[in-house]
């Protein structure tokens, strides 16, 4: 009888441990995009980061057990405008000489109903670390997932736009980070 209780306890413990573990996902960078939007002299523009990596552990049935880390090579920012692309890595903007990478880390996820979720975490740009919440939608089909989200920021809260660029006169203070990820469940 003691053996059966011990076996049942062990089985229950193993089941709860596996339920708390989130699935790992491998992002397909060729099909994914990490971008940003802004407004310069009244004209909207879009850009994206060509180099970034993401480590994601997430289970839609148990989002609280999830974790994600995204590291972005700030020198890889491009907007298809030569003048803007030349300025972005400079000290007034991303200052990639001193702050090569930006980083987002979520230590949990929250379900909002349906395919809507939030990723509370920290975003670090130019050495400034702030708590943020990334809202996103997630559609999972078999072992494939597609997540889309948008995080609105005030660029000067991260020191992006120094000197003459601290006002919103030429480049709006409001910017958005746009996430469009395709991933496969890791084996």
N, C-alpha and C. Protein backbone atom coordinates (compact mmCIF):
# COMPACT_ATOMS: atom_id res chain seq x y z
N UNK A 1 0.82 -1.19 0.00
CA UNK A 1 0.00 0.00 0.00
C UNK A 1 0.87 1.26 0.00
N UNK A 2 1.97 1.24 0.83
CA UNK A 2 2.86 2.39 0.86
C UNK A 2 3.47 2.61 -0.52
N UNK A 3 3.82 1.53 -1.21
CA UNK A 3 4.43 1.65 -2.55
C UNK A 3 3.46 2.33 -3.51
N UNK A 4 2.15 1.94 -3.47
CA UNK A 4 1.17 2.54 -4.36
C UNK A 4 1.01 4.04 -4.08
N UNK A 5 0.97 4.42 -2.78
CA UNK A 5 0.87 5.85 -2.46
C UNK A 5 2.10 6.61 -2.93
N UNK A 6 3.29 6.03 -2.72
CA UNK A 6 4.53 6.67 -3.16
C UNK A 6 4.52 6.81 -4.69
N UNK A 7 4.10 5.78 -5.40
CA UNK A 7 4.06 5.81 -6.86
C UNK A 7 3.06 6.87 -7.34
N UNK A 8 1.87 6.94 -6.73
CA UNK A 8 0.87 7.94 -7.09
C UNK A 8 1.38 9.35 -6.82
N UNK A 9 2.06 9.54 -5.68
CA UNK A 9 2.62 10.85 -5.37
C UNK A 9 3.68 11.24 -6.40
N UNK A 10 4.54 10.29 -6.75
CA UNK A 10 5.58 10.55 -7.75
C UNK A 10 4.98 10.89 -9.10
N UNK A 11 3.93 10.17 -9.49
CA UNK A 11 3.26 10.44 -10.76
C UNK A 11 2.61 11.82 -10.74
N UNK A 12 1.96 12.20 -9.66
CA UNK A 12 1.35 13.52 -9.55
C UNK A 12 2.41 14.61 -9.59
N UNK A 13 3.53 14.40 -8.92
CA UNK A 13 4.61 15.37 -8.92
C UNK A 13 5.19 15.54 -10.32
N UNK A 14 5.39 14.46 -11.02
CA UNK A 14 5.92 14.52 -12.39
C UNK A 14 4.94 15.23 -13.32
N UNK A 15 3.64 14.96 -13.16
CA UNK A 15 2.64 15.61 -14.00
C UNK A 15 2.60 17.11 -13.74
N UNK A 16 2.69 17.51 -12.47
CA UNK A 16 2.66 18.95 -12.19
C UNK A 16 3.93 19.62 -12.68
N UNK A 17 5.06 18.97 -12.63
CA UNK A 17 6.30 19.56 -13.12
C UNK A 17 6.25 19.74 -14.63
N UNK A 18 5.71 18.76 -15.35
CA UNK A 18 5.64 18.92 -16.81
C UNK A 18 4.59 19.95 -17.20
N UNK A 19 3.55 20.13 -16.41
CA UNK A 19 2.53 21.13 -16.72
C UNK A 19 3.09 22.54 -16.52
N UNK A 20 4.05 22.69 -15.59
CA UNK A 20 4.61 24.02 -15.33
C UNK A 20 5.66 24.40 -16.35
N UNK A 21 6.17 23.45 -17.12
CA UNK A 21 7.21 23.74 -18.10
C UNK A 21 6.60 24.20 -19.41
N UNK A 22 7.07 25.33 -19.92
CA UNK A 22 6.56 25.86 -21.17
C UNK A 22 7.34 25.26 -22.34
N UNK A 23 6.68 25.16 -23.48
CA UNK A 23 7.31 24.63 -24.68
C UNK A 23 8.30 25.64 -25.25
N UNK A 24 9.40 25.15 -25.80
CA UNK A 24 10.38 26.01 -26.46
C UNK A 24 10.00 26.16 -27.92
N UNK A 25 10.23 27.36 -28.44
CA UNK A 25 9.90 27.68 -29.82
C UNK A 25 11.14 28.20 -30.53
N UNK A 26 11.31 27.80 -31.79
CA UNK A 26 12.41 28.29 -32.61
C UNK A 26 11.84 29.28 -33.62
N UNK A 27 12.29 30.52 -33.54
CA UNK A 27 11.81 31.57 -34.43
C UNK A 27 12.44 31.40 -35.81
N UNK A 28 11.61 31.49 -36.83
CA UNK A 28 12.09 31.45 -38.22
C UNK A 28 12.38 32.89 -38.63
N UNK A 29 13.65 33.29 -38.54
CA UNK A 29 13.99 34.69 -38.79
C UNK A 29 13.74 35.11 -40.24
N UNK A 30 13.77 34.16 -41.17
CA UNK A 30 13.50 34.49 -42.57
C UNK A 30 12.04 34.88 -42.79
N UNK A 31 11.14 34.36 -41.95
CA UNK A 31 9.70 34.65 -42.09
C UNK A 31 9.21 35.64 -41.04
N UNK A 32 10.10 36.11 -40.18
CA UNK A 32 9.72 36.99 -39.08
C UNK A 32 10.27 38.39 -39.31
N UNK A 33 9.69 39.34 -38.58
CA UNK A 33 10.12 40.73 -38.72
C UNK A 33 10.02 41.41 -37.36
N UNK A 34 11.08 42.12 -37.03
CA UNK A 34 11.09 42.96 -35.85
C UNK A 34 11.33 44.37 -36.34
N UNK A 35 10.29 45.20 -36.27
CA UNK A 35 10.37 46.51 -36.88
C UNK A 35 10.00 47.63 -35.94
N UNK A 36 9.95 48.83 -36.51
CA UNK A 36 9.58 50.01 -35.75
C UNK A 36 8.93 51.02 -36.69
N UNK A 37 8.12 51.90 -36.12
CA UNK A 37 7.47 52.95 -36.89
C UNK A 37 7.65 54.27 -36.17
N UNK A 38 7.63 55.33 -36.93
CA UNK A 38 7.74 56.67 -36.37
C UNK A 38 7.21 57.69 -37.36
N UNK A 39 7.36 58.95 -37.02
CA UNK A 39 6.94 60.04 -37.91
C UNK A 39 8.06 61.08 -37.93
N UNK A 40 8.51 61.41 -39.14
CA UNK A 40 9.55 62.43 -39.31
C UNK A 40 9.00 63.53 -40.21
N UNK A 41 9.05 64.77 -39.73
CA UNK A 41 8.51 65.94 -40.42
C UNK A 41 7.11 65.68 -40.98
N UNK A 42 6.27 65.06 -40.14
CA UNK A 42 4.88 64.82 -40.50
C UNK A 42 4.64 63.61 -41.38
N UNK A 43 5.69 62.93 -41.80
CA UNK A 43 5.54 61.77 -42.69
C UNK A 43 5.86 60.48 -41.94
N UNK A 44 4.92 59.53 -41.90
CA UNK A 44 5.19 58.25 -41.24
C UNK A 44 6.30 57.48 -41.97
N UNK A 45 7.08 56.74 -41.19
CA UNK A 45 8.10 55.87 -41.77
C UNK A 45 8.13 54.55 -41.01
N UNK A 46 8.67 53.54 -41.68
CA UNK A 46 8.83 52.22 -41.08
C UNK A 46 10.28 51.80 -41.20
N UNK A 47 10.71 50.97 -40.29
CA UNK A 47 12.04 50.40 -40.35
C UNK A 47 12.02 49.02 -39.75
N UNK A 48 13.15 48.35 -39.83
CA UNK A 48 13.27 47.04 -39.19
C UNK A 48 14.71 46.78 -38.80
N UNK A 49 14.88 45.79 -37.96
CA UNK A 49 16.21 45.36 -37.52
C UNK A 49 16.56 44.10 -38.29
N UNK A 50 17.71 44.12 -38.95
CA UNK A 50 18.14 42.98 -39.75
C UNK A 50 18.75 41.86 -38.93
N UNK A 51 19.27 42.18 -37.74
CA UNK A 51 19.91 41.17 -36.89
C UNK A 51 19.32 41.21 -35.49
N UNK A 52 18.78 40.09 -35.08
CA UNK A 52 18.23 39.94 -33.74
C UNK A 52 18.07 38.46 -33.47
N UNK A 53 17.93 38.11 -32.21
CA UNK A 53 17.71 36.71 -31.83
C UNK A 53 16.65 36.65 -30.75
N UNK A 54 15.95 35.53 -30.70
CA UNK A 54 14.89 35.36 -29.70
C UNK A 54 14.92 33.95 -29.14
N UNK A 55 14.78 33.85 -27.84
CA UNK A 55 14.62 32.58 -27.15
C UNK A 55 13.25 32.65 -26.48
N UNK A 56 12.36 31.74 -26.86
CA UNK A 56 10.98 31.81 -26.37
C UNK A 56 10.55 30.45 -25.82
N UNK A 57 10.07 30.47 -24.59
CA UNK A 57 9.43 29.31 -23.96
C UNK A 57 8.02 29.75 -23.62
N UNK A 58 7.03 29.08 -24.22
CA UNK A 58 5.65 29.54 -24.05
C UNK A 58 4.69 28.40 -24.29
N UNK A 59 3.69 28.30 -23.41
CA UNK A 59 2.61 27.34 -23.56
C UNK A 59 1.30 28.11 -23.42
N UNK A 60 0.50 28.20 -24.49
CA UNK A 60 -0.75 28.96 -24.41
C UNK A 60 -1.68 28.47 -23.29
N UNK A 61 -1.57 27.20 -22.92
CA UNK A 61 -2.41 26.66 -21.85
C UNK A 61 -1.89 27.04 -20.47
N UNK A 62 -0.63 27.45 -20.38
CA UNK A 62 -0.03 27.84 -19.11
C UNK A 62 0.93 29.01 -19.35
N UNK A 63 0.40 30.18 -19.74
CA UNK A 63 1.27 31.29 -20.12
C UNK A 63 2.15 31.81 -18.98
N UNK A 64 1.71 31.67 -17.75
CA UNK A 64 2.49 32.19 -16.62
C UNK A 64 3.85 31.53 -16.50
N UNK A 65 4.00 30.32 -17.03
CA UNK A 65 5.26 29.59 -16.94
C UNK A 65 6.25 29.99 -18.04
N UNK A 66 5.85 30.89 -18.92
CA UNK A 66 6.68 31.26 -20.05
C UNK A 66 7.79 32.23 -19.74
N UNK A 67 8.69 32.36 -20.70
CA UNK A 67 9.85 33.25 -20.59
C UNK A 67 10.32 33.55 -22.01
N UNK A 68 10.77 34.77 -22.24
CA UNK A 68 11.30 35.14 -23.56
C UNK A 68 12.41 36.17 -23.40
N UNK A 69 13.42 36.05 -24.25
CA UNK A 69 14.49 37.04 -24.32
C UNK A 69 14.73 37.34 -25.79
N UNK A 70 14.68 38.62 -26.13
CA UNK A 70 14.95 39.08 -27.49
C UNK A 70 16.12 40.06 -27.41
N UNK A 71 17.17 39.79 -28.18
CA UNK A 71 18.33 40.66 -28.24
C UNK A 71 18.42 41.24 -29.64
N UNK A 72 18.55 42.56 -29.72
CA UNK A 72 18.49 43.27 -31.00
C UNK A 72 19.80 43.98 -31.26
N UNK A 73 20.39 43.74 -32.42
CA UNK A 73 21.59 44.44 -32.87
C UNK A 73 21.15 45.79 -33.40
N UNK A 74 21.38 46.85 -32.63
CA UNK A 74 20.86 48.17 -32.98
C UNK A 74 21.52 48.75 -34.24
N UNK A 75 22.71 48.31 -34.57
CA UNK A 75 23.38 48.78 -35.79
C UNK A 75 22.71 48.23 -37.04
N UNK A 76 21.84 47.25 -36.89
CA UNK A 76 21.19 46.64 -38.05
C UNK A 76 19.89 47.32 -38.43
N UNK A 77 19.58 48.47 -37.80
CA UNK A 77 18.34 49.20 -38.11
C UNK A 77 18.43 49.80 -39.50
N UNK A 78 17.35 49.64 -40.24
CA UNK A 78 17.27 50.22 -41.58
C UNK A 78 15.86 50.71 -41.86
N UNK A 79 15.77 51.83 -42.60
CA UNK A 79 14.47 52.41 -42.91
C UNK A 79 14.28 52.69 -44.39
N UNK A 80 15.24 52.32 -45.22
CA UNK A 80 15.21 52.59 -46.67
C UNK A 80 15.37 54.08 -46.98
N UNK A 81 15.88 54.85 -46.03
CA UNK A 81 16.21 56.26 -46.26
C UNK A 81 17.68 56.42 -45.84
N UNK A 82 18.56 56.71 -46.80
CA UNK A 82 20.00 56.74 -46.55
C UNK A 82 20.39 57.71 -45.44
N UNK A 83 19.82 58.89 -45.42
CA UNK A 83 20.18 59.89 -44.41
C UNK A 83 19.76 59.42 -43.02
N UNK A 84 18.56 58.91 -42.89
CA UNK A 84 18.08 58.42 -41.59
C UNK A 84 18.88 57.19 -41.16
N UNK A 85 19.14 56.27 -42.10
CA UNK A 85 19.88 55.06 -41.77
C UNK A 85 21.31 55.37 -41.33
N UNK A 86 21.90 56.42 -41.87
CA UNK A 86 23.24 56.82 -41.46
C UNK A 86 23.21 57.45 -40.07
N UNK A 87 22.13 58.14 -39.73
CA UNK A 87 22.02 58.82 -38.44
C UNK A 87 21.69 57.87 -37.28
N UNK A 88 20.88 56.85 -37.52
CA UNK A 88 20.40 56.00 -36.43
C UNK A 88 21.50 55.40 -35.55
N UNK A 89 22.60 54.89 -36.10
CA UNK A 89 23.63 54.31 -35.21
C UNK A 89 24.45 55.35 -34.43
N UNK A 90 24.35 56.62 -34.80
CA UNK A 90 25.17 57.67 -34.20
C UNK A 90 24.76 57.96 -32.75
N UNK A 91 25.59 58.75 -32.08
CA UNK A 91 25.42 59.02 -30.64
C UNK A 91 24.11 59.73 -30.30
N UNK A 92 23.56 60.51 -31.22
CA UNK A 92 22.29 61.18 -30.94
C UNK A 92 21.11 60.22 -30.90
N UNK A 93 21.24 59.09 -31.55
CA UNK A 93 20.12 58.16 -31.65
C UNK A 93 20.39 56.87 -30.88
N UNK A 94 20.82 55.80 -31.54
CA UNK A 94 21.01 54.52 -30.84
C UNK A 94 22.37 54.42 -30.16
N UNK A 95 23.34 55.23 -30.55
CA UNK A 95 24.69 55.22 -29.97
C UNK A 95 25.24 53.80 -29.87
N UNK A 96 25.34 53.14 -31.03
CA UNK A 96 25.73 51.73 -31.05
C UNK A 96 27.17 51.51 -30.60
N UNK A 97 28.00 52.55 -30.60
CA UNK A 97 29.37 52.41 -30.10
C UNK A 97 29.35 52.05 -28.62
N UNK A 98 28.42 52.62 -27.88
CA UNK A 98 28.33 52.36 -26.44
C UNK A 98 27.22 51.39 -26.06
N UNK A 99 26.20 51.27 -26.92
CA UNK A 99 25.04 50.42 -26.61
C UNK A 99 24.69 49.60 -27.84
N UNK A 100 25.47 48.58 -28.11
CA UNK A 100 25.32 47.80 -29.34
C UNK A 100 23.97 47.08 -29.43
N UNK A 101 23.47 46.62 -28.29
CA UNK A 101 22.26 45.81 -28.30
C UNK A 101 21.15 46.43 -27.46
N UNK A 102 19.93 46.17 -27.85
CA UNK A 102 18.75 46.41 -27.01
C UNK A 102 18.27 45.02 -26.59
N UNK A 103 17.50 44.98 -25.52
CA UNK A 103 17.06 43.68 -25.00
C UNK A 103 15.66 43.79 -24.41
N UNK A 104 14.83 42.81 -24.75
CA UNK A 104 13.51 42.67 -24.12
C UNK A 104 13.48 41.32 -23.43
N UNK A 105 13.06 41.31 -22.17
CA UNK A 105 12.93 40.05 -21.45
C UNK A 105 11.59 40.01 -20.74
N UNK A 106 10.82 38.97 -21.06
CA UNK A 106 9.55 38.71 -20.38
C UNK A 106 9.74 37.48 -19.50
N UNK A 107 9.36 37.58 -18.24
CA UNK A 107 9.51 36.46 -17.32
C UNK A 107 8.21 35.71 -17.10
N UNK A 108 7.16 36.17 -17.76
CA UNK A 108 5.86 35.51 -17.69
C UNK A 108 5.01 36.04 -18.84
N UNK A 109 3.88 35.42 -19.05
CA UNK A 109 2.89 35.89 -20.03
C UNK A 109 1.53 35.85 -19.36
N UNK A 110 0.60 36.65 -19.87
CA UNK A 110 -0.77 36.64 -19.33
C UNK A 110 -1.76 36.43 -20.48
N UNK A 111 -2.73 35.55 -20.25
CA UNK A 111 -3.80 35.31 -21.22
C UNK A 111 -4.87 36.39 -21.03
N UNK A 112 -5.36 36.93 -22.16
CA UNK A 112 -6.41 37.94 -22.11
C UNK A 112 -7.72 37.43 -22.69
N UNK A 113 -7.73 36.19 -23.13
CA UNK A 113 -8.92 35.61 -23.74
C UNK A 113 -8.74 35.44 -25.24
N UNK A 114 -9.25 34.33 -25.76
CA UNK A 114 -9.09 34.04 -27.19
C UNK A 114 -7.62 33.88 -27.52
N UNK A 115 -7.19 34.55 -28.59
CA UNK A 115 -5.79 34.44 -28.99
C UNK A 115 -4.98 35.66 -28.55
N UNK A 116 -5.48 36.40 -27.56
CA UNK A 116 -4.82 37.62 -27.09
C UNK A 116 -4.04 37.35 -25.80
N UNK A 117 -2.81 37.89 -25.77
CA UNK A 117 -1.92 37.71 -24.62
C UNK A 117 -1.17 39.01 -24.36
N UNK A 118 -0.50 39.05 -23.20
CA UNK A 118 0.42 40.13 -22.86
C UNK A 118 1.72 39.52 -22.38
N UNK A 119 2.82 40.21 -22.70
CA UNK A 119 4.12 39.82 -22.20
C UNK A 119 4.68 40.96 -21.36
N UNK A 120 4.47 40.93 -20.04
CA UNK A 120 5.09 41.94 -19.19
C UNK A 120 6.58 41.62 -19.08
N UNK A 121 7.39 42.66 -19.14
CA UNK A 121 8.82 42.44 -19.05
C UNK A 121 9.58 43.73 -18.96
N UNK A 122 10.86 43.66 -19.27
CA UNK A 122 11.71 44.84 -19.25
C UNK A 122 12.32 45.04 -20.64
N UNK A 123 12.39 46.30 -21.03
CA UNK A 123 13.01 46.69 -22.29
C UNK A 123 14.18 47.59 -21.95
N UNK A 124 15.35 47.25 -22.52
CA UNK A 124 16.55 48.05 -22.29
C UNK A 124 17.04 48.57 -23.63
N UNK A 125 17.11 49.90 -23.75
CA UNK A 125 17.63 50.58 -24.93
C UNK A 125 18.59 51.65 -24.43
N UNK A 126 19.78 51.73 -25.02
CA UNK A 126 20.79 52.72 -24.62
C UNK A 126 21.08 52.66 -23.12
N UNK A 127 21.04 51.48 -22.55
CA UNK A 127 21.32 51.31 -21.13
C UNK A 127 20.19 51.69 -20.21
N UNK A 128 19.07 52.16 -20.75
CA UNK A 128 17.90 52.53 -19.94
C UNK A 128 16.94 51.34 -19.92
N UNK A 129 16.65 50.86 -18.72
CA UNK A 129 15.80 49.68 -18.54
C UNK A 129 14.46 50.11 -17.95
N UNK A 130 13.37 49.74 -18.64
CA UNK A 130 12.02 50.12 -18.18
C UNK A 130 11.09 48.92 -18.26
N UNK A 131 10.13 48.90 -17.33
CA UNK A 131 9.08 47.88 -17.37
C UNK A 131 8.10 48.25 -18.47
N UNK A 132 7.73 47.26 -19.28
CA UNK A 132 6.78 47.46 -20.37
C UNK A 132 5.85 46.24 -20.43
N UNK A 133 4.77 46.38 -21.18
CA UNK A 133 3.86 45.26 -21.43
C UNK A 133 3.61 45.21 -22.93
N UNK A 134 4.00 44.10 -23.56
CA UNK A 134 3.81 43.91 -24.99
C UNK A 134 2.53 43.12 -25.22
N UNK A 135 1.48 43.75 -25.76
CA UNK A 135 0.27 43.00 -26.13
C UNK A 135 0.50 42.30 -27.47
N UNK A 136 0.00 41.08 -27.59
CA UNK A 136 0.17 40.36 -28.85
C UNK A 136 -0.95 39.35 -29.06
N UNK A 137 -1.11 38.96 -30.31
CA UNK A 137 -2.02 37.86 -30.64
C UNK A 137 -1.16 36.66 -31.00
N UNK A 138 -1.69 35.49 -30.77
CA UNK A 138 -0.96 34.26 -31.06
C UNK A 138 -1.91 33.25 -31.68
N UNK A 139 -1.51 32.75 -32.84
CA UNK A 139 -2.26 31.69 -33.50
C UNK A 139 -1.35 30.48 -33.64
N UNK A 140 -1.77 29.36 -33.08
CA UNK A 140 -0.98 28.13 -33.11
C UNK A 140 -1.73 27.10 -33.92
N UNK A 141 -1.04 26.52 -34.90
CA UNK A 141 -1.59 25.44 -35.72
C UNK A 141 -0.57 24.30 -35.68
N UNK A 142 -0.91 23.24 -34.95
CA UNK A 142 0.03 22.13 -34.81
C UNK A 142 1.29 22.61 -34.10
N UNK A 143 2.43 22.46 -34.76
CA UNK A 143 3.70 22.88 -34.19
C UNK A 143 4.16 24.23 -34.72
N UNK A 144 3.28 24.95 -35.40
CA UNK A 144 3.62 26.27 -35.95
C UNK A 144 2.87 27.36 -35.19
N UNK A 145 3.55 28.48 -34.97
CA UNK A 145 2.93 29.61 -34.26
C UNK A 145 3.22 30.90 -35.01
N UNK A 146 2.25 31.81 -34.95
CA UNK A 146 2.39 33.14 -35.53
C UNK A 146 1.95 34.15 -34.49
N UNK A 147 2.87 35.02 -34.08
CA UNK A 147 2.58 36.04 -33.07
C UNK A 147 2.77 37.42 -33.69
N UNK A 148 1.84 38.33 -33.38
CA UNK A 148 1.93 39.70 -33.84
C UNK A 148 1.63 40.63 -32.67
N UNK A 149 2.44 41.67 -32.53
CA UNK A 149 2.22 42.62 -31.45
C UNK A 149 2.82 43.97 -31.75
N UNK A 150 2.44 44.93 -30.94
CA UNK A 150 2.96 46.29 -31.11
C UNK A 150 3.10 46.93 -29.74
N UNK A 151 4.28 47.49 -29.50
CA UNK A 151 4.59 48.15 -28.24
C UNK A 151 4.83 49.63 -28.52
N UNK A 152 4.02 50.49 -27.94
CA UNK A 152 4.16 51.94 -28.13
C UNK A 152 5.08 52.51 -27.06
N UNK A 153 6.02 53.37 -27.50
CA UNK A 153 7.02 53.95 -26.60
C UNK A 153 7.16 55.45 -26.83
N UNK A 154 7.74 56.11 -25.86
CA UNK A 154 8.22 57.49 -26.01
C UNK A 154 9.74 57.36 -26.12
N UNK A 155 10.28 57.69 -27.29
CA UNK A 155 11.70 57.42 -27.56
C UNK A 155 12.64 58.12 -26.60
N UNK A 156 12.30 59.33 -26.16
CA UNK A 156 13.19 60.08 -25.28
C UNK A 156 13.27 59.48 -23.88
N UNK A 157 12.31 58.64 -23.48
CA UNK A 157 12.40 57.96 -22.19
C UNK A 157 13.56 56.96 -22.18
N UNK A 158 14.04 56.59 -23.35
CA UNK A 158 15.19 55.69 -23.48
C UNK A 158 16.44 56.43 -23.98
N UNK A 159 16.37 57.76 -24.03
CA UNK A 159 17.51 58.55 -24.48
C UNK A 159 17.71 58.54 -25.98
N UNK A 160 16.74 58.07 -26.73
CA UNK A 160 16.85 58.03 -28.19
C UNK A 160 16.43 59.39 -28.74
N UNK A 161 17.38 60.08 -29.34
CA UNK A 161 17.16 61.43 -29.83
C UNK A 161 17.75 62.44 -28.88
N UNK A 162 19.04 62.72 -29.01
CA UNK A 162 19.75 63.65 -28.14
C UNK A 162 19.87 65.02 -28.82
N UNK A 163 20.29 66.03 -28.05
CA UNK A 163 20.54 67.36 -28.60
C UNK A 163 19.28 67.95 -29.22
N UNK A 164 19.42 68.39 -30.48
CA UNK A 164 18.28 69.00 -31.19
C UNK A 164 17.11 68.04 -31.38
N UNK A 165 17.35 66.76 -31.18
CA UNK A 165 16.32 65.75 -31.44
C UNK A 165 15.49 65.39 -30.23
N UNK A 166 15.71 66.06 -29.08
CA UNK A 166 14.92 65.73 -27.88
C UNK A 166 13.48 66.23 -27.97
N UNK A 167 13.24 67.20 -28.80
CA UNK A 167 11.86 67.66 -28.99
C UNK A 167 11.23 66.83 -30.10
N UNK A 168 9.96 66.91 -30.20
CA UNK A 168 9.26 66.20 -31.26
C UNK A 168 9.05 67.06 -32.50
N UNK A 169 9.79 68.16 -32.61
CA UNK A 169 9.59 69.08 -33.73
C UNK A 169 9.86 68.42 -35.09
N UNK A 170 10.92 67.63 -35.18
CA UNK A 170 11.28 67.00 -36.46
C UNK A 170 10.93 65.52 -36.50
N UNK A 171 11.19 64.85 -35.39
CA UNK A 171 10.88 63.42 -35.29
C UNK A 171 9.98 63.23 -34.08
N UNK A 172 8.79 62.69 -34.30
CA UNK A 172 7.82 62.52 -33.22
C UNK A 172 8.41 61.71 -32.07
N UNK A 173 7.96 62.02 -30.86
CA UNK A 173 8.43 61.29 -29.68
C UNK A 173 7.82 59.90 -29.60
N UNK A 174 6.60 59.75 -30.10
CA UNK A 174 5.92 58.45 -30.07
C UNK A 174 6.46 57.56 -31.18
N UNK A 175 6.90 56.38 -30.80
CA UNK A 175 7.34 55.36 -31.76
C UNK A 175 6.72 54.03 -31.35
N UNK A 176 6.72 53.10 -32.26
CA UNK A 176 6.19 51.77 -31.96
C UNK A 176 7.19 50.71 -32.39
N UNK A 177 7.29 49.68 -31.58
CA UNK A 177 8.05 48.48 -31.96
C UNK A 177 7.01 47.48 -32.44
N UNK A 178 7.23 46.93 -33.63
CA UNK A 178 6.27 46.03 -34.26
C UNK A 178 6.89 44.64 -34.36
N UNK A 179 6.17 43.65 -33.84
CA UNK A 179 6.66 42.27 -33.80
C UNK A 179 5.76 41.41 -34.67
N UNK A 180 6.37 40.63 -35.56
CA UNK A 180 5.65 39.67 -36.40
C UNK A 180 6.52 38.43 -36.50
N UNK A 181 6.23 37.44 -35.65
CA UNK A 181 7.09 36.26 -35.52
C UNK A 181 6.40 35.00 -36.01
N UNK A 182 7.16 34.22 -36.75
CA UNK A 182 6.76 32.87 -37.14
C UNK A 182 7.71 31.91 -36.42
N UNK A 183 7.18 30.88 -35.78
CA UNK A 183 8.02 29.97 -35.02
C UNK A 183 7.49 28.54 -35.13
N UNK A 184 8.39 27.61 -34.86
CA UNK A 184 8.05 26.18 -34.80
C UNK A 184 8.38 25.68 -33.39
N UNK A 185 7.54 24.76 -32.91
CA UNK A 185 7.80 24.16 -31.62
C UNK A 185 9.10 23.36 -31.71
N UNK A 186 9.99 23.58 -30.76
CA UNK A 186 11.29 22.88 -30.75
C UNK A 186 11.06 21.41 -30.43
N UNK A 187 11.84 20.54 -31.07
CA UNK A 187 11.67 19.10 -30.80
C UNK A 187 12.08 18.74 -29.39
